[in-house]
């Protein structure tokens, strides 16, 4: 895929921000805030499901002395897409993407979990980094095949950026792997559309153990 970039000033939402005097620093449309106001417990429930999945997967990987990968996927240009198409269309697209991602997971026990307003989280024990990269590539290809129109994107369709964090679980549960995957997908989105960023935490773990 050709390298592309997306300006935060493009699209319908940029014009709405200007009209409302919110400025270029606005991060999301008011519709997203309203959705959370209608269901204030949704965010905490999503976080709890991710935490439970991480706890289960961490124990599984630690017992078998294998790596664990967390894959964070985030819809690119969510704010512009939401403003142009509305909440119902966005939710329909996210439901479709969730089905696509879930269908590509290698094991029946793997889960595609919603994360925030416009993302997904995969917590995959016994998943080497190279296999996680391959899975991310296959997900990106499957999303392109869906051809979900997005006139506010330079790609012309809905795309997902991906952040991968890999760790070797040992000892107490360390939730920083979730945070690392989230930061990785943000970094990927700063580089453009449908990008991938990988962070390997295993070197940091080794340094921490030597220091201890």
C-alpha atoms as a PDB file:
ATOM      1  CA  UNK A   1       0.000   0.000   0.000  1.00  0.00           C
ATOM      2  CA  UNK A   2       1.301   3.412  -0.940  1.00  0.00           C
ATOM      3  CA  UNK A   3       2.301   5.663   1.909  1.00  0.00           C
ATOM      4  CA  UNK A   4      -0.315   8.305   2.541  1.00  0.00           C
ATOM      5  CA  UNK A   5      -0.828  10.956   5.135  1.00  0.00           C
ATOM      6  CA  UNK A   6      -3.952  12.612   6.438  1.00  0.00           C
ATOM      7  CA  UNK A   7      -4.265  16.227   7.464  1.00  0.00           C
ATOM      8  CA  UNK A   8      -6.284  16.924  10.591  1.00  0.00           C
ATOM      9  CA  UNK A   9      -7.727  19.983   8.819  1.00  0.00           C
ATOM     10  CA  UNK A  10      -9.329  17.996   5.992  1.00  0.00           C
ATOM     11  CA  UNK A  11     -12.893  16.796   5.846  1.00  0.00           C
ATOM     12  CA  UNK A  12     -16.312  17.743   7.032  1.00  0.00           C
ATOM     13  CA  UNK A  13     -15.486  17.685  10.729  1.00  0.00           C
ATOM     14  CA  UNK A  14     -12.746  20.278  10.223  1.00  0.00           C
ATOM     15  CA  UNK A  15     -15.334  22.605   8.725  1.00  0.00           C
ATOM     16  CA  UNK A  16     -17.726  21.922  11.596  1.00  0.00           C
ATOM     17  CA  UNK A  17     -14.952  22.645  14.124  1.00  0.00           C
ATOM     18  CA  UNK A  18     -14.245  25.930  12.388  1.00  0.00           C
ATOM     19  CA  UNK A  19     -17.921  26.881  12.346  1.00  0.00           C
ATOM     20  CA  UNK A  20     -18.298  26.133  16.022  1.00  0.00           C
ATOM     21  CA  UNK A  21     -15.085  27.925  16.901  1.00  0.00           C
ATOM     22  CA  UNK A  22     -13.647  24.819  18.551  1.00  0.00           C
ATOM     23  CA  UNK A  23     -10.342  25.136  16.691  1.00  0.00           C
ATOM     24  CA  UNK A  24      -8.018  22.555  15.161  1.00  0.00           C
ATOM     25  CA  UNK A  25      -7.160  21.108  18.563  1.00  0.00           C
ATOM     26  CA  UNK A  26     -10.530  19.372  18.969  1.00  0.00           C
ATOM     27  CA  UNK A  27     -10.088  15.625  19.176  1.00  0.00           C
ATOM     28  CA  UNK A  28     -13.585  14.218  18.733  1.00  0.00           C
ATOM     29  CA  UNK A  29     -17.116  15.293  17.755  1.00  0.00           C
ATOM     30  CA  UNK A  30     -19.737  16.006  20.406  1.00  0.00           C
ATOM     31  CA  UNK A  31     -21.674  12.966  19.217  1.00  0.00           C
ATOM     32  CA  UNK A  32     -19.097  10.670  20.801  1.00  0.00           C
ATOM     33  CA  UNK A  33     -19.424  12.465  24.122  1.00  0.00           C
ATOM     34  CA  UNK A  34     -23.199  12.169  23.926  1.00  0.00           C
ATOM     35  CA  UNK A  35     -22.965   8.434  23.290  1.00  0.00           C
ATOM     36  CA  UNK A  36     -20.867   7.983  26.410  1.00  0.00           C
ATOM     37  CA  UNK A  37     -23.285  10.128  28.415  1.00  0.00           C
ATOM     38  CA  UNK A  38     -26.100   7.791  27.415  1.00  0.00           C
ATOM     39  CA  UNK A  39     -24.108   4.767  28.568  1.00  0.00           C
ATOM     40  CA  UNK A  40     -21.578   5.906  31.199  1.00  0.00           C
ATOM     41  CA  UNK A  41     -20.659   2.362  32.231  1.00  0.00           C
ATOM     42  CA  UNK A  42     -19.717   1.175  28.744  1.00  0.00           C
ATOM     43  CA  UNK A  43     -16.101   2.278  28.948  1.00  0.00           C
ATOM     44  CA  UNK A  44     -15.552   0.580  32.299  1.00  0.00           C
ATOM     45  CA  UNK A  45     -17.134  -2.643  31.047  1.00  0.00           C
ATOM     46  CA  UNK A  46     -14.882  -2.693  27.994  1.00  0.00           C
ATOM     47  CA  UNK A  47     -11.809  -2.078  30.155  1.00  0.00           C
ATOM     48  CA  UNK A  48     -12.865  -4.855  32.535  1.00  0.00           C
ATOM     49  CA  UNK A  49     -13.204  -7.354  29.695  1.00  0.00           C
ATOM     50  CA  UNK A  50      -9.752  -6.460  28.390  1.00  0.00           C
ATOM     51  CA  UNK A  51      -8.278  -6.752  31.881  1.00  0.00           C
ATOM     52  CA  UNK A  52      -9.869 -10.171  32.381  1.00  0.00           C
ATOM     53  CA  UNK A  53      -8.557 -11.373  29.029  1.00  0.00           C
ATOM     54  CA  UNK A  54      -5.066 -10.089  29.834  1.00  0.00           C
ATOM     55  CA  UNK A  55      -5.081 -11.806  33.221  1.00  0.00           C
ATOM     56  CA  UNK A  56      -6.130 -15.136  31.703  1.00  0.00           C
ATOM     57  CA  UNK A  57      -3.659 -14.885  28.828  1.00  0.00           C
ATOM     58  CA  UNK A  58      -0.800 -13.738  31.076  1.00  0.00           C
ATOM     59  CA  UNK A  59      -1.210 -16.800  33.281  1.00  0.00           C
ATOM     60  CA  UNK A  60      -1.422 -19.096  30.256  1.00  0.00           C
ATOM     61  CA  UNK A  61       1.758 -17.688  28.697  1.00  0.00           C
ATOM     62  CA  UNK A  62       3.691 -17.593  31.989  1.00  0.00           C
ATOM     63  CA  UNK A  63       2.918 -21.227  32.746  1.00  0.00           C
ATOM     64  CA  UNK A  64       4.160 -22.315  29.322  1.00  0.00           C
ATOM     65  CA  UNK A  65       7.083 -19.878  29.174  1.00  0.00           C
ATOM     66  CA  UNK A  66       5.919 -18.397  25.859  1.00  0.00           C
ATOM     67  CA  UNK A  67       5.449 -14.860  24.596  1.00  0.00           C
ATOM     68  CA  UNK A  68       2.251 -12.842  24.576  1.00  0.00           C
ATOM     69  CA  UNK A  69       1.237 -10.230  22.031  1.00  0.00           C
ATOM     70  CA  UNK A  70      -1.319  -7.490  22.458  1.00  0.00           C
ATOM     71  CA  UNK A  71      -2.646  -6.034  19.213  1.00  0.00           C
ATOM     72  CA  UNK A  72      -4.461  -2.691  19.307  1.00  0.00           C
ATOM     73  CA  UNK A  73      -6.427  -1.702  16.213  1.00  0.00           C
ATOM     74  CA  UNK A  74      -7.935   1.745  15.759  1.00  0.00           C
ATOM     75  CA  UNK A  75     -10.157   3.213  13.072  1.00  0.00           C
ATOM     76  CA  UNK A  76      -8.307   5.970  11.214  1.00  0.00           C
ATOM     77  CA  UNK A  77      -9.934   9.402  11.090  1.00  0.00           C
ATOM     78  CA  UNK A  78     -12.763   8.404  13.409  1.00  0.00           C
ATOM     79  CA  UNK A  79     -13.891  11.972  14.157  1.00  0.00           C
ATOM     80  CA  UNK A  80     -14.265  12.934  10.480  1.00  0.00           C
ATOM     81  CA  UNK A  81     -15.968   9.634   9.671  1.00  0.00           C
ATOM     82  CA  UNK A  82     -18.424  10.056  12.561  1.00  0.00           C
ATOM     83  CA  UNK A  83     -19.305  13.605  11.576  1.00  0.00           C
ATOM     84  CA  UNK A  84     -19.848  12.667   7.925  1.00  0.00           C
ATOM     85  CA  UNK A  85     -21.821   9.447   8.353  1.00  0.00           C
ATOM     86  CA  UNK A  86     -23.369   9.490  11.835  1.00  0.00           C
ATOM     87  CA  UNK A  87     -23.332   7.175  14.816  1.00  0.00           C
ATOM     88  CA  UNK A  88     -25.442   4.378  13.324  1.00  0.00           C
ATOM     89  CA  UNK A  89     -23.257   4.037  10.235  1.00  0.00           C
ATOM     90  CA  UNK A  90     -20.088   4.069  12.338  1.00  0.00           C
ATOM     91  CA  UNK A  91     -21.433   1.358  14.636  1.00  0.00           C
ATOM     92  CA  UNK A  92     -22.455  -0.742  11.630  1.00  0.00           C
ATOM     93  CA  UNK A  93     -18.923  -0.442  10.262  1.00  0.00           C
ATOM     94  CA  UNK A  94     -17.369  -1.352  13.605  1.00  0.00           C
ATOM     95  CA  UNK A  95     -19.656  -4.379  13.899  1.00  0.00           C
ATOM     96  CA  UNK A  96     -18.587  -5.493  10.425  1.00  0.00           C
ATOM     97  CA  UNK A  97     -14.911  -5.006  11.252  1.00  0.00           C
ATOM     98  CA  UNK A  98     -15.285  -6.936  14.490  1.00  0.00           C
ATOM     99  CA  UNK A  99     -16.709  -9.891  12.548  1.00  0.00           C
ATOM    100  CA  UNK A 100     -13.861  -9.721  10.033  1.00  0.00           C
ATOM    101  CA  UNK A 101     -11.173  -9.612  12.737  1.00  0.00           C
ATOM    102  CA  UNK A 102     -12.775 -12.374  14.812  1.00  0.00           C
ATOM    103  CA  UNK A 103     -12.912 -14.605  11.739  1.00  0.00           C
ATOM    104  CA  UNK A 104      -9.139 -14.352  11.298  1.00  0.00           C
ATOM    105  CA  UNK A 105      -8.121 -15.222  14.855  1.00  0.00           C
ATOM    106  CA  UNK A 106      -6.163 -18.474  14.979  1.00  0.00           C
ATOM    107  CA  UNK A 107      -7.878 -20.141  17.964  1.00  0.00           C
ATOM    108  CA  UNK A 108     -11.437 -20.546  19.179  1.00  0.00           C
ATOM    109  CA  UNK A 109     -10.400 -19.144  22.554  1.00  0.00           C
ATOM    110  CA  UNK A 110      -9.084 -15.880  21.027  1.00  0.00           C
ATOM    111  CA  UNK A 111     -11.393 -12.879  21.354  1.00  0.00           C
ATOM    112  CA  UNK A 112     -11.764  -9.606  19.509  1.00  0.00           C
ATOM    113  CA  UNK A 113     -12.624  -7.041  22.182  1.00  0.00           C
ATOM    114  CA  UNK A 114     -13.948  -3.549  21.573  1.00  0.00           C
ATOM    115  CA  UNK A 115     -11.677  -0.831  22.938  1.00  0.00           C
ATOM    116  CA  UNK A 116     -12.846   2.746  23.359  1.00  0.00           C
ATOM    117  CA  UNK A 117     -15.118   4.348  20.756  1.00  0.00           C
ATOM    118  CA  UNK A 118     -13.391   3.169  17.609  1.00  0.00           C
ATOM    119  CA  UNK A 119     -10.953   0.369  18.298  1.00  0.00           C
ATOM    120  CA  UNK A 120     -10.346  -3.265  19.092  1.00  0.00           C
ATOM    121  CA  UNK A 121      -7.935  -5.133  21.323  1.00  0.00           C
ATOM    122  CA  UNK A 122      -6.546  -8.630  20.822  1.00  0.00           C
ATOM    123  CA  UNK A 123      -4.732 -10.341  23.699  1.00  0.00           C
ATOM    124  CA  UNK A 124      -2.946 -13.359  22.249  1.00  0.00           C
ATOM    125  CA  UNK A 125      -0.873 -15.745  24.393  1.00  0.00           C
ATOM    126  CA  UNK A 126       1.667 -18.035  22.725  1.00  0.00           C
ATOM    127  CA  UNK A 127       1.875 -15.607  19.820  1.00  0.00           C
ATOM    128  CA  UNK A 128       5.376 -14.821  18.490  1.00  0.00           C
ATOM    129  CA  UNK A 129       5.946 -11.311  17.188  1.00  0.00           C
ATOM    130  CA  UNK A 130       6.324 -12.480  13.573  1.00  0.00           C
ATOM    131  CA  UNK A 131       3.000 -14.299  13.724  1.00  0.00           C
ATOM    132  CA  UNK A 132       1.384 -11.175  15.197  1.00  0.00           C
ATOM    133  CA  UNK A 133       2.753  -9.120  12.293  1.00  0.00           C
ATOM    134  CA  UNK A 134       1.350 -11.657   9.831  1.00  0.00           C
ATOM    135  CA  UNK A 135      -2.042 -11.566  11.533  1.00  0.00           C
ATOM    136  CA  UNK A 136      -2.048  -7.759  11.426  1.00  0.00           C
ATOM    137  CA  UNK A 137      -1.243  -7.884   7.707  1.00  0.00           C
ATOM    138  CA  UNK A 138      -4.084 -10.308   7.027  1.00  0.00           C
ATOM    139  CA  UNK A 139      -6.507  -8.158   9.016  1.00  0.00           C
ATOM    140  CA  UNK A 140      -5.489  -5.075   7.021  1.00  0.00           C
ATOM    141  CA  UNK A 141      -6.026  -6.949   3.752  1.00  0.00           C
ATOM    142  CA  UNK A 142      -9.437  -8.201   4.894  1.00  0.00           C
ATOM    143  CA  UNK A 143     -10.495  -4.693   5.921  1.00  0.00           C
ATOM    144  CA  UNK A 144      -9.522  -3.376   2.475  1.00  0.00           C
ATOM    145  CA  UNK A 145     -11.648  -6.090   0.856  1.00  0.00           C
ATOM    146  CA  UNK A 146     -14.679  -4.886   2.812  1.00  0.00           C
ATOM    147  CA  UNK A 147     -14.485  -1.588   0.929  1.00  0.00           C
ATOM    148  CA  UNK A 148     -16.370   0.400   3.571  1.00  0.00           C
ATOM    149  CA  UNK A 149     -16.690   3.835   1.984  1.00  0.00           C
ATOM    150  CA  UNK A 150     -15.231   6.845   3.781  1.00  0.00           C
ATOM    151  CA  UNK A 151     -15.229   9.978   1.664  1.00  0.00           C
ATOM    152  CA  UNK A 152     -13.403  11.862   4.442  1.00  0.00           C
ATOM    153  CA  UNK A 153     -10.315   9.641   4.103  1.00  0.00           C
ATOM    154  CA  UNK A 154      -7.558   9.940   1.516  1.00  0.00           C
ATOM    155  CA  UNK A 155      -7.854   6.165   1.163  1.00  0.00           C
ATOM    156  CA  UNK A 156     -11.512   6.518   0.156  1.00  0.00           C
ATOM    157  CA  UNK A 157     -12.536   3.816   2.604  1.00  0.00           C
ATOM    158  CA  UNK A 158     -12.374   2.827   6.246  1.00  0.00           C
ATOM    159  CA  UNK A 159      -8.910   1.753   7.389  1.00  0.00           C
ATOM    160  CA  UNK A 160      -7.425   0.516  10.647  1.00  0.00           C
ATOM    161  CA  UNK A 161      -4.000   1.281  12.062  1.00  0.00           C
ATOM    162  CA  UNK A 162      -2.306  -1.290  14.278  1.00  0.00           C
ATOM    163  CA  UNK A 163      -0.055  -1.294  17.305  1.00  0.00           C
ATOM    164  CA  UNK A 164       1.591  -4.483  18.574  1.00  0.00           C
ATOM    165  CA  UNK A 165       3.278  -4.984  21.933  1.00  0.00           C
ATOM    166  CA  UNK A 166       5.107  -8.233  22.701  1.00  0.00           C
ATOM    167  CA  UNK A 167       6.164  -9.432  26.145  1.00  0.00           C
ATOM    168  CA  UNK A 168       7.354 -12.586  27.916  1.00  0.00           C
ATOM    169  CA  UNK A 169       4.960 -12.949  30.877  1.00  0.00           C
ATOM    170  CA  UNK A 170       6.573 -13.865  34.185  1.00  0.00           C
ATOM    171  CA  UNK A 171       5.630 -13.119  37.757  1.00  0.00           C
ATOM    172  CA  UNK A 172       2.844 -10.695  38.605  1.00  0.00           C
ATOM    173  CA  UNK A 173       0.488  -9.356  35.958  1.00  0.00           C
ATOM    174  CA  UNK A 174       1.951  -6.307  34.195  1.00  0.00           C
ATOM    175  CA  UNK A 175      -0.705  -4.182  32.510  1.00  0.00           C
ATOM    176  CA  UNK A 176       1.855  -1.931  30.830  1.00  0.00           C
ATOM    177  CA  UNK A 177       1.721  -4.193  27.759  1.00  0.00           C
ATOM    178  CA  UNK A 178      -1.812  -2.905  27.101  1.00  0.00           C
ATOM    179  CA  UNK A 179      -0.630   0.690  27.423  1.00  0.00           C
ATOM    180  CA  UNK A 180       2.332  -0.040  25.137  1.00  0.00           C
ATOM    181  CA  UNK A 181       0.046  -1.415  22.408  1.00  0.00           C
ATOM    182  CA  UNK A 182      -2.191   1.644  22.732  1.00  0.00           C
ATOM    183  CA  UNK A 183       0.756   4.018  22.410  1.00  0.00           C
ATOM    184  CA  UNK A 184       2.029   2.024  19.429  1.00  0.00           C
ATOM    185  CA  UNK A 185      -1.231   2.387  17.499  1.00  0.00           C
ATOM    186  CA  UNK A 186      -1.261   6.145  18.213  1.00  0.00           C
ATOM    187  CA  UNK A 187       2.268   6.381  16.839  1.00  0.00           C
ATOM    188  CA  UNK A 188       1.223   4.377  13.776  1.00  0.00           C
ATOM    189  CA  UNK A 189      -1.661   6.781  13.116  1.00  0.00           C
ATOM    190  CA  UNK A 190       0.633   9.780  13.335  1.00  0.00           C
ATOM    191  CA  UNK A 191       2.551   8.297  10.392  1.00  0.00           C
ATOM    192  CA  UNK A 192      -0.529   7.983   8.170  1.00  0.00           C
ATOM    193  CA  UNK A 193      -3.328   5.551   7.331  1.00  0.00           C
ATOM    194  CA  UNK A 194      -3.376   1.785   7.863  1.00  0.00           C
ATOM    195  CA  UNK A 195       0.092   1.812   9.419  1.00  0.00           C
ATOM    196  CA  UNK A 196       1.701  -0.694  11.778  1.00  0.00           C
ATOM    197  CA  UNK A 197       3.943  -0.022  14.772  1.00  0.00           C
ATOM    198  CA  UNK A 198       5.559  -2.750  16.919  1.00  0.00           C
ATOM    199  CA  UNK A 199       7.097  -2.370  20.369  1.00  0.00           C
ATOM    200  CA  UNK A 200       9.073  -5.240  21.927  1.00  0.00           C
ATOM    201  CA  UNK A 201       9.080  -5.074  25.710  1.00  0.00           C
ATOM    202  CA  UNK A 202      11.232  -8.147  26.218  1.00  0.00           C
ATOM    203  CA  UNK A 203      14.498  -6.218  26.250  1.00  0.00           C
ATOM    204  CA  UNK A 204      13.159  -3.928  28.953  1.00  0.00           C
ATOM    205  CA  UNK A 205      12.128  -6.950  30.998  1.00  0.00           C
ATOM    206  CA  UNK A 206      15.609  -8.427  30.785  1.00  0.00           C
ATOM    207  CA  UNK A 207      17.188  -5.177  31.917  1.00  0.00           C
ATOM    208  CA  UNK A 208      14.799  -4.954  34.853  1.00  0.00           C
ATOM    209  CA  UNK A 209      15.606  -8.496  35.947  1.00  0.00           C
ATOM    210  CA  UNK A 210      19.352  -7.874  35.770  1.00  0.00           C
ATOM    211  CA  UNK A 211      18.967  -4.678  37.786  1.00  0.00           C
ATOM    212  CA  UNK A 212      16.994  -6.572  40.422  1.00  0.00           C
END
